[in-house]
Amino acid sequence: MVSVFAHGELRLYLLVLLGEAPRHGYDLMTALSDRFGGTYKPSAGTVYPRLARLEEEGLVRRTEAGRTAPYTLTDAGRAELDARSDEVARLEAGIDATVRERAESLRADVASSMDGLRAELALAAQDARTRRRDADGSREGGGARAARAGSYSARREVEAMVQAFRDDLRAELRRADARDAVTRLTVETARTVLDAARSSIRATLR
């Protein structure tokens, strides 16, 4: 994935994140991903070399011995943040704009995918209605009872899938909420996908 940061901006933003709280390298990668609503996921190869450089410059340090110790700002790191507060403000504004642009692009992609899915499901529903009419034309009483039993079984299967989806998604949301990672992008994406899914499923019931 192409970086969303211009030259030197990621270095500065790592200082910003460490100014909020000591963090491990993995925590910094997670914080960056969360800040961009999951649309930007920096690699270890992107973050760790910059942390090593910041450590060499005396702007950050490990709070404990060892490779897995968290990083924290030094006094020199805080002084650099203070001196570059205007740059930090511009960087935050730029990130906000990038998140909005990516959210709009993602919503457009989701809407386009859902349009294609709706068309496919509508065609499948039409085929199912045609087959059902053909079957109804030749079905006798016992066949009708079998059809009702099949409908009941299919309904229960769909209900079980919906319940499993609900349970899985609630668990994911609770884990993300513990990291303060549920964003407006999450809400808008859920609304778009669920509205489209509801419309598509309804089309098969007519």
Protein backbone atom coordinates (compact mmCIF):
# COMPACT_ATOMS: atom_id res chain seq x y z
CA MET A 1 0.00 0.00 0.00
CA VAL A 2 1.26 3.45 -0.90
CA SER A 3 2.09 5.53 2.15
CA VAL A 4 -0.32 8.30 3.06
CA PHE A 5 2.49 10.34 4.59
CA ALA A 6 4.78 12.77 2.80
CA HIS A 7 8.51 12.68 3.49
CA GLY A 8 9.19 13.11 7.21
CA GLU A 9 5.54 13.11 8.24
CA LEU A 10 5.42 9.55 9.57
CA ARG A 11 8.49 10.27 11.71
CA LEU A 12 6.70 13.29 13.17
CA TYR A 13 3.45 11.43 13.72
CA LEU A 14 5.22 8.65 15.58
CA LEU A 15 6.40 11.33 17.99
CA VAL A 16 2.80 12.56 18.29
CA LEU A 17 1.55 9.07 19.16
CA LEU A 18 4.33 8.50 21.66
CA GLY A 19 3.53 11.88 23.17
CA GLU A 20 0.09 10.50 24.03
CA ALA A 21 1.43 7.38 25.81
CA PRO A 22 4.35 4.92 25.74
CA ARG A 23 3.77 2.30 23.07
CA HIS A 24 5.34 -0.81 21.62
CA GLY A 25 6.03 -0.92 17.91
CA TYR A 26 2.98 -3.10 17.32
CA ASP A 27 0.84 -0.68 19.33
CA LEU A 28 2.02 2.16 17.10
CA MET A 29 1.09 0.21 13.96
CA THR A 30 -2.35 -0.50 15.43
CA ALA A 31 -2.83 3.15 16.46
CA LEU A 32 -1.94 4.31 12.94
CA SER A 33 -4.35 1.82 11.38
CA ASP A 34 -7.12 2.88 13.79
CA ARG A 35 -6.46 6.56 13.09
CA PHE A 36 -7.14 5.90 9.40
CA GLY A 37 -10.21 3.77 10.06
CA GLY A 38 -8.38 0.65 8.91
CA THR A 39 -7.74 2.03 5.40
CA TYR A 40 -3.99 2.37 6.03
CA LYS A 41 -1.99 -0.42 7.66
CA PRO A 42 1.74 0.32 8.01
CA SER A 43 4.13 -2.60 8.00
CA ALA A 44 6.80 -3.41 10.55
CA GLY A 45 9.34 -2.57 7.86
CA THR A 46 7.90 0.93 7.70
CA VAL A 47 7.62 1.68 11.42
CA TYR A 48 10.56 -0.01 13.13
CA PRO A 49 13.37 1.60 11.08
CA ARG A 50 11.95 5.04 11.90
CA LEU A 51 11.72 4.16 15.57
CA ALA A 52 15.34 3.04 15.51
CA ARG A 53 16.33 6.35 13.91
CA LEU A 54 14.36 8.33 16.50
CA GLU A 55 16.11 6.36 19.23
CA GLU A 56 19.51 7.12 17.70
CA GLU A 57 18.59 10.82 17.62
CA GLY A 58 17.71 10.72 21.31
CA LEU A 59 14.05 11.62 20.73
CA VAL A 60 12.65 8.34 22.04
CA ARG A 61 13.92 5.62 24.34
CA ARG A 62 12.95 2.19 25.54
CA THR A 63 11.49 2.33 29.02
CA GLU A 64 12.89 -1.13 29.76
CA ALA A 65 15.73 -3.27 28.50
CA GLY A 66 15.01 -5.65 25.65
CA ARG A 67 13.67 -5.67 22.10
CA THR A 68 10.02 -5.80 23.15
CA ALA A 69 10.15 -2.86 25.59
CA PRO A 70 7.77 0.04 24.88
CA TYR A 71 9.01 3.32 23.46
CA THR A 72 8.51 6.64 25.20
CA LEU A 73 9.39 10.25 24.37
CA THR A 74 12.47 11.83 25.85
CA ASP A 75 12.63 15.46 26.90
CA ALA A 76 14.27 16.18 23.54
CA GLY A 77 11.37 14.46 21.77
CA ARG A 78 8.82 16.57 23.62
CA ALA A 79 10.79 19.70 22.85
CA GLU A 80 10.72 18.85 19.14
CA LEU A 81 6.96 18.31 19.27
CA ASP A 82 6.48 21.67 21.00
CA ALA A 83 8.68 23.41 18.45
CA ARG A 84 6.76 21.86 15.56
CA SER A 85 3.23 22.29 16.92
CA ASP A 86 2.11 24.15 13.78
CA GLU A 87 3.32 21.28 11.60
CA VAL A 88 1.53 18.81 13.85
CA ALA A 89 -1.73 20.74 13.47
CA ARG A 90 -1.38 20.76 9.68
CA LEU A 91 -0.56 17.07 9.70
CA GLU A 92 -3.65 16.24 11.78
CA ALA A 93 -5.81 18.28 9.39
CA GLY A 94 -4.29 16.44 6.44
CA ILE A 95 -4.98 13.08 8.06
CA ASP A 96 -8.60 14.09 8.69
CA ALA A 97 -8.97 14.97 5.00
CA THR A 98 -7.35 11.70 3.91
CA VAL A 99 -9.66 9.67 6.16
CA ARG A 100 -12.71 11.43 4.70
CA GLU A 101 -11.53 10.83 1.13
CA ARG A 102 -10.82 7.16 1.79
CA ALA A 103 -14.16 6.72 3.56
CA GLU A 104 -15.99 8.20 0.57
CA SER A 105 -14.04 5.97 -1.80
CA LEU A 106 -14.77 2.90 0.31
CA ARG A 107 -18.47 3.72 0.53
CA ALA A 108 -18.58 4.13 -3.26
CA ASP A 109 -16.83 0.78 -3.74
CA VAL A 110 -19.20 -0.92 -1.30
CA ALA A 111 -22.24 0.63 -2.97
CA SER A 112 -21.00 -0.50 -6.39
CA SER A 113 -20.40 -4.03 -5.13
CA MET A 114 -23.83 -4.11 -3.51
CA ASP A 115 -25.46 -2.95 -6.76
CA GLY A 116 -23.86 -5.88 -8.55
CA LEU A 117 -24.91 -8.26 -5.79
CA ARG A 118 -28.48 -6.98 -5.89
CA ALA A 119 -28.63 -7.56 -9.64
CA GLU A 120 -27.31 -11.11 -9.28
CA LEU A 121 -29.72 -11.91 -6.45
CA ALA A 122 -32.65 -10.41 -8.35
CA LEU A 123 -31.84 -12.67 -11.31
CA ALA A 124 -31.52 -15.67 -9.00
CA ALA A 125 -34.84 -14.76 -7.38
CA GLN A 126 -36.52 -14.55 -10.79
CA ASP A 127 -35.14 -17.97 -11.72
CA ALA A 128 -36.38 -19.39 -8.40
CA ARG A 129 -39.87 -17.95 -8.94
CA THR A 130 -39.98 -19.44 -12.42
CA ARG A 131 -38.95 -22.87 -11.17
CA ARG A 132 -41.49 -22.62 -8.33
CA ARG A 133 -44.32 -21.77 -10.74
CA ASP A 134 -43.34 -24.66 -12.97
CA ALA A 135 -43.27 -27.00 -9.98
CA ASP A 136 -46.60 -25.68 -8.68
CA GLY A 137 -48.21 -26.48 -12.02
CA SER A 138 -47.47 -30.18 -11.70
CA ARG A 139 -47.42 -30.62 -7.91
CA GLU A 140 -50.11 -32.66 -6.13
CA GLY A 141 -51.21 -32.39 -2.50
CA GLY A 142 -48.31 -34.38 -1.04
CA GLY A 143 -45.85 -32.25 -3.00
CA ALA A 144 -47.38 -29.09 -1.56
CA ARG A 145 -46.81 -30.35 1.97
CA ALA A 146 -43.20 -31.17 1.08
CA ALA A 147 -42.77 -27.64 -0.30
CA ARG A 148 -44.05 -26.11 2.94
CA ALA A 149 -41.65 -28.26 4.93
CA GLY A 150 -38.81 -27.18 2.66
CA SER A 151 -39.74 -23.52 3.13
CA TYR A 152 -39.75 -23.93 6.91
CA SER A 153 -36.34 -25.63 6.83
CA ALA A 154 -34.90 -22.91 4.59
CA ARG A 155 -36.28 -20.16 6.87
CA ARG A 156 -34.67 -21.76 9.91
CA GLU A 157 -31.37 -22.04 8.05
CA VAL A 158 -31.44 -18.33 7.13
CA GLU A 159 -32.37 -17.37 10.69
CA ALA A 160 -29.43 -19.41 12.01
CA MET A 161 -27.06 -17.65 9.60
CA VAL A 162 -28.36 -14.22 10.64
CA GLN A 163 -27.96 -15.10 14.33
CA ALA A 164 -24.40 -16.39 13.78
CA PHE A 165 -23.52 -13.22 11.82
CA ARG A 166 -24.99 -11.05 14.58
CA ASP A 167 -23.08 -12.86 17.31
CA ASP A 168 -19.77 -12.79 15.41
CA LEU A 169 -20.10 -9.11 14.53
CA ARG A 170 -21.03 -8.10 18.10
CA ALA A 171 -17.92 -9.89 19.38
CA GLU A 172 -15.74 -8.11 16.80
CA LEU A 173 -17.28 -4.74 17.67
CA ARG A 174 -16.70 -5.25 21.38
CA ARG A 175 -13.04 -6.12 20.79
CA ALA A 176 -12.63 -3.07 18.53
CA ASP A 177 -14.44 -0.83 21.03
CA ALA A 178 -11.94 -1.85 23.70
CA ARG A 179 -9.27 -0.30 21.42
CA ASP A 180 -11.48 2.75 20.63
CA ALA A 181 -11.37 1.54 17.01
CA VAL A 182 -15.08 1.81 16.11
CA THR A 183 -15.33 4.86 13.87
CA ARG A 184 -17.94 6.69 11.79
CA LEU A 185 -16.53 4.80 8.81
CA THR A 186 -17.54 1.57 10.57
CA VAL A 187 -21.06 2.92 11.07
CA GLU A 188 -21.48 4.12 7.48
CA THR A 189 -20.08 0.91 6.02
CA ALA A 190 -22.38 -1.20 8.21
CA ARG A 191 -25.39 0.90 7.18
CA THR A 192 -24.59 0.59 3.46
CA VAL A 193 -23.91 -3.15 3.56
CA LEU A 194 -26.87 -4.07 5.77
CA ASP A 195 -29.35 -1.94 3.80
CA ALA A 196 -28.17 -3.56 0.58
CA ALA A 197 -28.30 -7.05 2.08
CA ARG A 198 -31.84 -6.50 3.37
CA SER A 199 -33.04 -5.28 -0.04
CA SER A 200 -31.35 -8.16 -1.84
CA ILE A 201 -32.81 -10.83 0.45
CA ARG A 202 -36.28 -9.27 0.23
CA ALA A 203 -36.06 -9.54 -3.56
CA THR A 204 -35.88 -13.34 -3.24
CA LEU A 205 -39.09 -13.42 -1.14
CA ARG A 206 -41.42 -11.84 -3.66
